[in-house]
Amino acid sequence: MRREPRPLTARQEAVLAVIRSSLAERGHGPTVREIGARVGLSSTSSVAHQLGRLEARGLIARTGRDWSTCVLVEGPPARRPGLRSRGPGGGVDGYGRRPAS
């Protein structure tokens, strides 16, 4: 049984909109402080958290070390190398432990 992905939060949508507009206007992503100023977050840690969630969902990717190098990812997110499915349940319980044999 596949779970439907959760919809983006309003804040995540706002962060994506800032990234889109910056890429369109300037050709590169905004800094963490610029994103925070435009979406109403004063903590750079909060902005980095939102960016990390978007990156984990496969919506943005960084081409360098800094968040200002982020680009929008088109299409479905790429599978991470080395990970494979073991089918339903994946052979572990909800806590990541293998069931006793």
PDB file of N, CA and C in Angstrom:
ATOM      1  N   MET A   1       0.843  -1.176   0.000  1.00  0.00           N
ATOM      2  CA  MET A   1       0.000   0.000   0.000  1.00  0.00           C
ATOM      3  C   MET A   1       0.890   1.242   0.000  1.00  0.00           C
ATOM      4  N   ARG A   2       0.694   2.104  -0.959  1.00  0.00           N
ATOM      5  CA  ARG A   2       1.479   3.329  -1.064  1.00  0.00           C
ATOM      6  C   ARG A   2       0.767   4.462  -0.378  1.00  0.00           C
ATOM      7  N   ARG A   3       1.520   5.247   0.329  1.00  0.00           N
ATOM      8  CA  ARG A   3       0.967   6.450   0.944  1.00  0.00           C
ATOM      9  C   ARG A   3       1.061   7.604  -0.049  1.00  0.00           C
ATOM     10  N   GLU A   4       0.056   8.420  -0.048  1.00  0.00           N
ATOM     11  CA  GLU A   4       0.102   9.632  -0.857  1.00  0.00           C
ATOM     12  C   GLU A   4       1.017  10.627  -0.144  1.00  0.00           C
ATOM     13  N   PRO A   5       1.865  11.330  -0.884  1.00  0.00           N
ATOM     14  CA  PRO A   5       2.726  12.312  -0.233  1.00  0.00           C
ATOM     15  C   PRO A   5       1.896  13.443   0.355  1.00  0.00           C
ATOM     16  N   ARG A   6       2.349  13.933   1.484  1.00  0.00           N
ATOM     17  CA  ARG A   6       1.640  15.047   2.120  1.00  0.00           C
ATOM     18  C   ARG A   6       1.735  16.282   1.235  1.00  0.00           C
ATOM     19  N   PRO A   7       0.687  17.092   1.234  1.00  0.00           N
ATOM     20  CA  PRO A   7       0.771  18.333   0.462  1.00  0.00           C
ATOM     21  C   PRO A   7       1.770  19.287   1.109  1.00  0.00           C
ATOM     22  N   LEU A   8       2.281  20.199   0.320  1.00  0.00           N
ATOM     23  CA  LEU A   8       3.213  21.192   0.845  1.00  0.00           C
ATOM     24  C   LEU A   8       2.492  22.116   1.813  1.00  0.00           C
ATOM     25  N   THR A   9       3.206  22.565   2.828  1.00  0.00           N
ATOM     26  CA  THR A   9       2.638  23.543   3.752  1.00  0.00           C
ATOM     27  C   THR A   9       2.642  24.909   3.070  1.00  0.00           C
ATOM     28  N   ALA A  10       1.917  25.841   3.641  1.00  0.00           N
ATOM     29  CA  ALA A  10       1.872  27.201   3.085  1.00  0.00           C
ATOM     30  C   ALA A  10       3.268  27.820   3.094  1.00  0.00           C
ATOM     31  N   ARG A  11       4.031  27.555   4.142  1.00  0.00           N
ATOM     32  CA  ARG A  11       5.384  28.108   4.227  1.00  0.00           C
ATOM     33  C   ARG A  11       6.285  27.498   3.154  1.00  0.00           C
ATOM     34  N   GLN A  12       6.166  26.193   2.917  1.00  0.00           N
ATOM     35  CA  GLN A  12       6.967  25.557   1.875  1.00  0.00           C
ATOM     36  C   GLN A  12       6.606  26.106   0.501  1.00  0.00           C
ATOM     37  N   GLU A  13       5.324  26.331   0.267  1.00  0.00           N
ATOM     38  CA  GLU A  13       4.891  26.945  -0.998  1.00  0.00           C
ATOM     39  C   GLU A  13       5.499  28.328  -1.155  1.00  0.00           C
ATOM     40  N   ALA A  14       5.517  29.105  -0.064  1.00  0.00           N
ATOM     41  CA  ALA A  14       6.067  30.452  -0.119  1.00  0.00           C
ATOM     42  C   ALA A  14       7.564  30.417  -0.413  1.00  0.00           C
ATOM     43  N   VAL A  15       8.282  29.494   0.209  1.00  0.00           N
ATOM     44  CA  VAL A  15       9.720  29.370  -0.029  1.00  0.00           C
ATOM     45  C   VAL A  15       9.978  28.993  -1.491  1.00  0.00           C
ATOM     46  N   LEU A  16       9.196  28.057  -2.017  1.00  0.00           N
ATOM     47  CA  LEU A  16       9.347  27.684  -3.431  1.00  0.00           C
ATOM     48  C   LEU A  16       9.073  28.873  -4.357  1.00  0.00           C
ATOM     49  N   ALA A  17       8.075  29.678  -4.020  1.00  0.00           N
ATOM     50  CA  ALA A  17       7.762  30.846  -4.841  1.00  0.00           C
ATOM     51  C   ALA A  17       8.920  31.840  -4.841  1.00  0.00           C
ATOM     52  N   VAL A  18       9.555  32.034  -3.693  1.00  0.00           N
ATOM     53  CA  VAL A  18      10.706  32.941  -3.610  1.00  0.00           C
ATOM     54  C   VAL A  18      11.858  32.404  -4.465  1.00  0.00           C
ATOM     55  N   ILE A  19      12.086  31.106  -4.397  1.00  0.00           N
ATOM     56  CA  ILE A  19      13.166  30.506  -5.189  1.00  0.00           C
ATOM     57  C   ILE A  19      12.872  30.652  -6.679  1.00  0.00           C
ATOM     58  N   ARG A  20      11.623  30.367  -7.072  1.00  0.00           N
ATOM     59  CA  ARG A  20      11.239  30.502  -8.487  1.00  0.00           C
ATOM     60  C   ARG A  20      11.463  31.921  -8.988  1.00  0.00           C
ATOM     61  N   SER A  21      11.000  32.909  -8.212  1.00  0.00           N
ATOM     62  CA  SER A  21      11.116  34.294  -8.669  1.00  0.00           C
ATOM     63  C   SER A  21      12.577  34.732  -8.728  1.00  0.00           C
ATOM     64  N   SER A  22      13.392  34.288  -7.778  1.00  0.00           N
ATOM     65  CA  SER A  22      14.804  34.657  -7.793  1.00  0.00           C
ATOM     66  C   SER A  22      15.518  34.036  -8.994  1.00  0.00           C
ATOM     67  N   LEU A  23      15.204  32.783  -9.278  1.00  0.00           N
ATOM     68  CA  LEU A  23      15.823  32.131 -10.445  1.00  0.00           C
ATOM     69  C   LEU A  23      15.414  32.825 -11.733  1.00  0.00           C
ATOM     70  N   ALA A  24      14.152  33.249 -11.824  1.00  0.00           N
ATOM     71  CA  ALA A  24      13.668  33.914 -13.034  1.00  0.00           C
ATOM     72  C   ALA A  24      14.269  35.315 -13.187  1.00  0.00           C
ATOM     73  N   GLU A  25      14.374  36.052 -12.073  1.00  0.00           N
ATOM     74  CA  GLU A  25      14.848  37.438 -12.132  1.00  0.00           C
ATOM     75  C   GLU A  25      16.369  37.548 -12.237  1.00  0.00           C
ATOM     76  N   ARG A  26      17.082  36.728 -11.428  1.00  0.00           N
ATOM     77  CA  ARG A  26      18.528  36.906 -11.316  1.00  0.00           C
ATOM     78  C   ARG A  26      19.346  35.749 -11.864  1.00  0.00           C
ATOM     79  N   GLY A  27      18.704  34.623 -12.107  1.00  0.00           N
ATOM     80  CA  GLY A  27      19.432  33.479 -12.646  1.00  0.00           C
ATOM     81  C   GLY A  27      20.087  32.594 -11.590  1.00  0.00           C
ATOM     82  N   HIS A  28      19.960  32.948 -10.320  1.00  0.00           N
ATOM     83  CA  HIS A  28      20.488  32.108  -9.246  1.00  0.00           C
ATOM     84  C   HIS A  28      19.550  32.192  -8.052  1.00  0.00           C
ATOM     85  N   GLY A  29      19.696  31.251  -7.168  1.00  0.00           N
ATOM     86  CA  GLY A  29      18.812  31.168  -6.013  1.00  0.00           C
ATOM     87  C   GLY A  29      19.073  32.265  -5.002  1.00  0.00           C
ATOM     88  N   PRO A  30      18.086  32.531  -4.148  1.00  0.00           N
ATOM     89  CA  PRO A  30      18.245  33.553  -3.113  1.00  0.00           C
ATOM     90  C   PRO A  30      19.070  33.014  -1.942  1.00  0.00           C
ATOM     91  N   THR A  31      19.610  33.912  -1.137  1.00  0.00           N
ATOM     92  CA  THR A  31      20.309  33.486   0.065  1.00  0.00           C
ATOM     93  C   THR A  31      19.276  33.104   1.127  1.00  0.00           C
ATOM     94  N   VAL A  32      19.746  32.452   2.161  1.00  0.00           N
ATOM     95  CA  VAL A  32      18.856  32.047   3.254  1.00  0.00           C
ATOM     96  C   VAL A  32      18.224  33.283   3.891  1.00  0.00           C
ATOM     97  N   ARG A  33      18.995  34.325   4.085  1.00  0.00           N
ATOM     98  CA  ARG A  33      18.453  35.554   4.692  1.00  0.00           C
ATOM     99  C   ARG A  33      17.412  36.228   3.786  1.00  0.00           C
ATOM    100  N   GLU A  34      17.648  36.198   2.475  1.00  0.00           N
ATOM    101  CA  GLU A  34      16.667  36.773   1.545  1.00  0.00           C
ATOM    102  C   GLU A  34      15.355  35.995   1.600  1.00  0.00           C
ATOM    103  N   ILE A  35      15.438  34.685   1.653  1.00  0.00           N
ATOM    104  CA  ILE A  35      14.217  33.874   1.750  1.00  0.00           C
ATOM    105  C   ILE A  35      13.488  34.205   3.041  1.00  0.00           C
ATOM    106  N   GLY A  36      14.229  34.245   4.146  1.00  0.00           N
ATOM    107  CA  GLY A  36      13.621  34.549   5.443  1.00  0.00           C
ATOM    108  C   GLY A  36      12.915  35.892   5.443  1.00  0.00           C
ATOM    109  N   ALA A  37      13.534  36.901   4.848  1.00  0.00           N
ATOM    110  CA  ALA A  37      12.933  38.234   4.813  1.00  0.00           C
ATOM    111  C   ALA A  37      11.647  38.236   3.994  1.00  0.00           C
ATOM    112  N   ARG A  38      11.605  37.463   2.932  1.00  0.00           N
ATOM    113  CA  ARG A  38      10.432  37.474   2.055  1.00  0.00           C
ATOM    114  C   ARG A  38       9.287  36.607   2.547  1.00  0.00           C
ATOM    115  N   VAL A  39       9.578  35.588   3.364  1.00  0.00           N
ATOM    116  CA  VAL A  39       8.498  34.727   3.854  1.00  0.00           C
ATOM    117  C   VAL A  39       8.171  34.969   5.325  1.00  0.00           C
ATOM    118  N   GLY A  40       8.888  35.883   5.967  1.00  0.00           N
ATOM    119  CA  GLY A  40       8.567  36.228   7.349  1.00  0.00           C
ATOM    120  C   GLY A  40       9.227  35.349   8.398  1.00  0.00           C
ATOM    121  N   LEU A  41      10.380  34.777   8.083  1.00  0.00           N
ATOM    122  CA  LEU A  41      11.126  33.984   9.059  1.00  0.00           C
ATOM    123  C   LEU A  41      12.394  34.750   9.437  1.00  0.00           C
ATOM    124  N   SER A  42      12.583  34.999  10.717  1.00  0.00           N
ATOM    125  CA  SER A  42      13.769  35.746  11.133  1.00  0.00           C
ATOM    126  C   SER A  42      14.942  34.826  11.450  1.00  0.00           C
ATOM    127  N   SER A  43      14.669  33.553  11.677  1.00  0.00           N
ATOM    128  CA  SER A  43      15.715  32.601  12.014  1.00  0.00           C
ATOM    129  C   SER A  43      16.225  31.908  10.754  1.00  0.00           C
ATOM    130  N   THR A  44      17.540  31.995  10.511  1.00  0.00           N
ATOM    131  CA  THR A  44      18.109  31.325   9.352  1.00  0.00           C
ATOM    132  C   THR A  44      18.017  29.806   9.516  1.00  0.00           C
ATOM    133  N   SER A  45      17.989  29.353  10.751  1.00  0.00           N
ATOM    134  CA  SER A  45      17.831  27.921  11.000  1.00  0.00           C
ATOM    135  C   SER A  45      16.459  27.436  10.533  1.00  0.00           C
ATOM    136  N   SER A  46      15.432  28.235  10.747  1.00  0.00           N
ATOM    137  CA  SER A  46      14.086  27.878  10.296  1.00  0.00           C
ATOM    138  C   SER A  46      14.014  27.818   8.774  1.00  0.00           C
ATOM    139  N   VAL A  47      14.681  28.758   8.122  1.00  0.00           N
ATOM    140  CA  VAL A  47      14.707  28.757   6.656  1.00  0.00           C
ATOM    141  C   VAL A  47      15.455  27.523   6.158  1.00  0.00           C
ATOM    142  N   ALA A  48      16.593  27.213   6.773  1.00  0.00           N
ATOM    143  CA  ALA A  48      17.375  26.042   6.367  1.00  0.00           C
ATOM    144  C   ALA A  48      16.564  24.761   6.578  1.00  0.00           C
ATOM    145  N   HIS A  49      15.770  24.720   7.634  1.00  0.00           N
ATOM    146  CA  HIS A  49      14.914  23.549   7.874  1.00  0.00           C
ATOM    147  C   HIS A  49      13.911  23.388   6.735  1.00  0.00           C
ATOM    148  N   GLN A  50      13.258  24.472   6.346  1.00  0.00           N
ATOM    149  CA  GLN A  50      12.281  24.415   5.248  1.00  0.00           C
ATOM    150  C   GLN A  50      12.963  23.988   3.951  1.00  0.00           C
ATOM    151  N   LEU A  51      14.142  24.515   3.686  1.00  0.00           N
ATOM    152  CA  LEU A  51      14.878  24.150   2.481  1.00  0.00           C
ATOM    153  C   LEU A  51      15.279  22.673   2.516  1.00  0.00           C
ATOM    154  N   GLY A  52      15.668  22.197   3.683  1.00  0.00           N
ATOM    155  CA  GLY A  52      16.013  20.791   3.824  1.00  0.00           C
ATOM    156  C   GLY A  52      14.835  19.874   3.562  1.00  0.00           C
ATOM    157  N   ARG A  53      13.656  20.269   4.020  1.00  0.00           N
ATOM    158  CA  ARG A  53      12.445  19.480   3.779  1.00  0.00           C
ATOM    159  C   ARG A  53      12.127  19.448   2.280  1.00  0.00           C
ATOM    160  N   LEU A  54      12.264  20.590   1.608  1.00  0.00           N
ATOM    161  CA  LEU A  54      12.004  20.641   0.168  1.00  0.00           C
ATOM    162  C   LEU A  54      13.023  19.806  -0.597  1.00  0.00           C
ATOM    163  N   GLU A  55      14.279  19.826  -0.139  1.00  0.00           N
ATOM    164  CA  GLU A  55      15.313  19.021  -0.788  1.00  0.00           C
ATOM    165  C   GLU A  55      15.029  17.533  -0.564  1.00  0.00           C
ATOM    166  N   ALA A  56      14.603  17.167   0.634  1.00  0.00           N
ATOM    167  CA  ALA A  56      14.296  15.767   0.938  1.00  0.00           C
ATOM    168  C   ALA A  56      13.122  15.260   0.094  1.00  0.00           C
ATOM    169  N   ARG A  57      12.202  16.137  -0.234  1.00  0.00           N
ATOM    170  CA  ARG A  57      11.053  15.763  -1.068  1.00  0.00           C
ATOM    171  C   ARG A  57      11.406  15.729  -2.549  1.00  0.00           C
ATOM    172  N   GLY A  58      12.612  16.168  -2.891  1.00  0.00           N
ATOM    173  CA  GLY A  58      13.047  16.135  -4.281  1.00  0.00           C
ATOM    174  C   GLY A  58      12.545  17.300  -5.111  1.00  0.00           C
ATOM    175  N   LEU A  59      12.142  18.397  -4.461  1.00  0.00           N
ATOM    176  CA  LEU A  59      11.633  19.550  -5.204  1.00  0.00           C
ATOM    177  C   LEU A  59      12.728  20.539  -5.558  1.00  0.00           C
ATOM    178  N   ILE A  60      13.785  20.585  -4.757  1.00  0.00           N
ATOM    179  CA  ILE A  60      14.931  21.441  -5.049  1.00  0.00           C
ATOM    180  C   ILE A  60      16.193  20.615  -4.859  1.00  0.00           C
ATOM    181  N   ALA A  61      17.269  21.091  -5.450  1.00  0.00           N
ATOM    182  CA  ALA A  61      18.578  20.451  -5.294  1.00  0.00           C
ATOM    183  C   ALA A  61      19.629  21.544  -5.289  1.00  0.00           C
ATOM    184  N   ARG A  62      20.738  21.272  -4.620  1.00  0.00           N
ATOM    185  CA  ARG A  62      21.842  22.230  -4.601  1.00  0.00           C
ATOM    186  C   ARG A  62      22.909  21.780  -5.590  1.00  0.00           C
ATOM    187  N   THR A  63      23.472  22.743  -6.319  1.00  0.00           N
ATOM    188  CA  THR A  63      24.568  22.427  -7.225  1.00  0.00           C
ATOM    189  C   THR A  63      25.906  22.681  -6.552  1.00  0.00           C
ATOM    190  N   GLY A  64      25.885  23.316  -5.418  1.00  0.00           N
ATOM    191  CA  GLY A  64      27.089  23.594  -4.642  1.00  0.00           C
ATOM    192  C   GLY A  64      26.797  23.376  -3.171  1.00  0.00           C
ATOM    193  N   ARG A  65      27.621  23.957  -2.340  1.00  0.00           N
ATOM    194  CA  ARG A  65      27.467  23.759  -0.900  1.00  0.00           C
ATOM    195  C   ARG A  65      26.396  24.667  -0.299  1.00  0.00           C
ATOM    196  N   ASP A  66      26.272  25.880  -0.796  1.00  0.00           N
ATOM    197  CA  ASP A  66      25.350  26.865  -0.228  1.00  0.00           C
ATOM    198  C   ASP A  66      23.939  26.705  -0.776  1.00  0.00           C
ATOM    199  N   TRP A  67      22.971  27.153   0.017  1.00  0.00           N
ATOM    200  CA  TRP A  67      21.577  27.095  -0.429  1.00  0.00           C
ATOM    201  C   TRP A  67      21.313  28.033  -1.596  1.00  0.00           C
ATOM    202  N   SER A  68      22.127  29.067  -1.764  1.00  0.00           N
ATOM    203  CA  SER A  68      21.902  29.981  -2.887  1.00  0.00           C
ATOM    204  C   SER A  68      22.197  29.321  -4.234  1.00  0.00           C
ATOM    205  N   THR A  69      22.757  28.116  -4.211  1.00  0.00           N
ATOM    206  CA  THR A  69      23.004  27.385  -5.451  1.00  0.00           C
ATOM    207  C   THR A  69      21.860  26.427  -5.785  1.00  0.00           C
ATOM    208  N   CYS A  70      20.742  26.559  -5.076  1.00  0.00           N
ATOM    209  CA  CYS A  70      19.648  25.612  -5.301  1.00  0.00           C
ATOM    210  C   CYS A  70      18.956  25.869  -6.640  1.00  0.00           C
ATOM    211  N   VAL A  71      18.462  24.788  -7.203  1.00  0.00           N
ATOM    212  CA  VAL A  71      17.714  24.837  -8.453  1.00  0.00           C
ATOM    213  C   VAL A  71      16.446  24.018  -8.255  1.00  0.00           C
ATOM    214  N   LEU A  72      15.445  24.305  -9.048  1.00  0.00           N
ATOM    215  CA  LEU A  72      14.211  23.532  -8.996  1.00  0.00           C
ATOM    216  C   LEU A  72      14.421  22.232  -9.747  1.00  0.00           C
ATOM    217  N   VAL A  73      13.906  21.159  -9.207  1.00  0.00           N
ATOM    218  CA  VAL A  73      14.035  19.846  -9.829  1.00  0.00           C
ATOM    219  C   VAL A  73      12.787  19.598 -10.649  1.00  0.00           C
ATOM    220  N   GLU A  74      12.982  19.311 -11.912  1.00  0.00           N
ATOM    221  CA  GLU A  74      11.864  19.021 -12.800  1.00  0.00           C
ATOM    222  C   GLU A  74      11.671  17.519 -12.871  1.00  0.00           C
ATOM    223  N   GLY A  75      10.454  17.060 -12.847  1.00  0.00           N
ATOM    224  CA  GLY A  75      10.176  15.631 -12.961  1.00  0.00           C
ATOM    225  C   GLY A  75      10.216  14.939 -11.613  1.00  0.00           C
ATOM    226  N   PRO A  76      10.060  13.619 -11.627  1.00  0.00           N
ATOM    227  CA  PRO A  76      10.046  12.868 -10.378  1.00  0.00           C
ATOM    228  C   PRO A  76      11.417  12.861  -9.722  1.00  0.00           C
ATOM    229  N   PRO A  77      11.473  12.800  -8.391  1.00  0.00           N
ATOM    230  CA  PRO A  77      12.760  12.784  -7.714  1.00  0.00           C
ATOM    231  C   PRO A  77      13.543  11.527  -8.057  1.00  0.00           C
ATOM    232  N   ALA A  78      14.848  11.671  -8.166  1.00  0.00           N
ATOM    233  CA  ALA A  78      15.707  10.531  -8.478  1.00  0.00           C
ATOM    234  C   ALA A  78      15.818   9.621  -7.264  1.00  0.00           C
ATOM    235  N   ARG A  79      15.944   8.331  -7.520  1.00  0.00           N
ATOM    236  CA  ARG A  79      16.131   7.382  -6.426  1.00  0.00           C
ATOM    237  C   ARG A  79      17.545   7.517  -5.903  1.00  0.00           C
ATOM    238  N   ARG A  80      17.689   7.411  -4.604  1.00  0.00           N
ATOM    239  CA  ARG A  80      19.011   7.468  -4.012  1.00  0.00           C
ATOM    240  C   ARG A  80      19.725   6.154  -4.268  1.00  0.00           C
ATOM    241  N   PRO A  81      20.978   6.202  -4.706  1.00  0.00           N
ATOM    242  CA  PRO A  81      21.698   4.967  -4.987  1.00  0.00           C
ATOM    243  C   PRO A  81      21.892   4.140  -3.723  1.00  0.00           C
ATOM    244  N   GLY A  82      21.825   2.838  -3.891  1.00  0.00           N
ATOM    245  CA  GLY A  82      22.059   1.950  -2.769  1.00  0.00           C
ATOM    246  C   GLY A  82      20.809   1.591  -1.995  1.00  0.00           C
ATOM    247  N   LEU A  83      19.707   2.238  -2.260  1.00  0.00           N
ATOM    248  CA  LEU A  83      18.467   1.931  -1.564  1.00  0.00           C
ATOM    249  C   LEU A  83      17.593   1.065  -2.452  1.00  0.00           C
ATOM    250  N   ARG A  84      17.005   0.057  -1.884  1.00  0.00           N
ATOM    251  CA  ARG A  84      16.097  -0.772  -2.653  1.00  0.00           C
ATOM    252  C   ARG A  84      14.969  -1.228  -1.750  1.00  0.00           C
ATOM    253  N   SER A  85      13.882  -1.486  -2.348  1.00  0.00           N
ATOM    254  CA  SER A  85      12.699  -1.895  -1.597  1.00  0.00           C
ATOM    255  C   SER A  85      12.742  -3.390  -1.333  1.00  0.00           C
ATOM    256  N   ARG A  86      12.258  -3.780  -0.187  1.00  0.00           N
ATOM    257  CA  ARG A  86      12.130  -5.194   0.133  1.00  0.00           C
ATOM    258  C   ARG A  86      10.665  -5.601   0.058  1.00  0.00           C
ATOM    259  N   GLY A  87       9.872  -4.804  -0.593  1.00  0.00           N
ATOM    260  CA  GLY A  87       8.459  -5.120  -0.708  1.00  0.00           C
ATOM    261  C   GLY A  87       7.690  -4.600   0.495  1.00  0.00           C
ATOM    262  N   PRO A  88       6.447  -5.019   0.648  1.00  0.00           N
ATOM    263  CA  PRO A  88       5.623  -4.530   1.742  1.00  0.00           C
ATOM    264  C   PRO A  88       6.276  -4.797   3.089  1.00  0.00           C
ATOM    265  N   GLY A  89       6.342  -3.786   3.914  1.00  0.00           N
ATOM    266  CA  GLY A  89       6.912  -3.928   5.244  1.00  0.00           C
ATOM    267  C   GLY A  89       8.416  -3.776   5.279  1.00  0.00           C
ATOM    268  N   GLY A  90       9.077  -4.019   4.174  1.00  0.00           N
ATOM    269  CA  GLY A  90      10.515  -3.847   4.095  1.00  0.00           C
ATOM    270  C   GLY A  90      11.313  -4.749   5.016  1.00  0.00           C
ATOM    271  N   GLY A  91      10.689  -5.748   5.635  1.00  0.00           N
ATOM    272  CA  GLY A  91      11.411  -6.664   6.493  1.00  0.00           C
ATOM    273  C   GLY A  91      11.734  -6.116   7.863  1.00  0.00           C
ATOM    274  N   VAL A  92      11.166  -4.958   8.222  1.00  0.00           N
ATOM    275  CA  VAL A  92      11.407  -4.383   9.542  1.00  0.00           C
ATOM    276  C   VAL A  92      10.099  -3.918  10.132  1.00  0.00           C
ATOM    277  N   ASP A  93      10.071  -3.798  11.473  1.00  0.00           N
ATOM    278  CA  ASP A  93       8.866  -3.278  12.106  1.00  0.00           C
ATOM    279  C   ASP A  93       8.900  -1.749  12.078  1.00  0.00           C
ATOM    280  N   GLY A  94       7.972  -1.097  12.722  1.00  0.00           N
ATOM    281  CA  GLY A  94       7.876   0.359  12.705  1.00  0.00           C
ATOM    282  C   GLY A  94       9.042   1.067  13.369  1.00  0.00           C
ATOM    283  N   TYR A  95       9.879   0.324  14.118  1.00  0.00           N
ATOM    284  CA  TYR A  95      11.022   0.930  14.800  1.00  0.00           C
ATOM    285  C   TYR A  95      12.343   0.595  14.117  1.00  0.00           C
ATOM    286  N   GLY A  96      12.296   0.020  12.914  1.00  0.00           N
ATOM    287  CA  GLY A  96      13.489  -0.298  12.177  1.00  0.00           C
ATOM    288  C   GLY A  96      14.157  -1.594  12.585  1.00  0.00           C
ATOM    289  N   ARG A  97      13.465  -2.402  13.396  1.00  0.00           N
ATOM    290  CA  ARG A  97      14.031  -3.683  13.837  1.00  0.00           C
ATOM    291  C   ARG A  97      13.466  -4.803  13.004  1.00  0.00           C
ATOM    292  N   ARG A  98      14.268  -5.813  12.802  1.00  0.00           N
ATOM    293  CA  ARG A  98      13.798  -7.016  12.092  1.00  0.00           C
ATOM    294  C   ARG A  98      12.987  -7.860  13.058  1.00  0.00           C
ATOM    295  N   PRO A  99      11.885  -8.435  12.569  1.00  0.00           N
ATOM    296  CA  PRO A  99      11.083  -9.278  13.455  1.00  0.00           C
ATOM    297  C   PRO A  99      11.854 -10.545  13.852  1.00  0.00           C
ATOM    298  N   ALA A 100      11.555 -11.036  15.052  1.00  0.00           N
ATOM    299  CA  ALA A 100      12.209 -12.257  15.534  1.00  0.00           C
ATOM    300  C   ALA A 100      11.781 -13.445  14.669  1.00  0.00           C
ATOM    301  N   SER A 101      12.725 -14.327  14.383  1.00  0.00           N
ATOM    302  CA  SER A 101      12.419 -15.487  13.533  1.00  0.00           C
ATOM    303  C   SER A 101      11.847 -16.618  14.327  1.00  0.00           C
TER     304      SER A 101
END
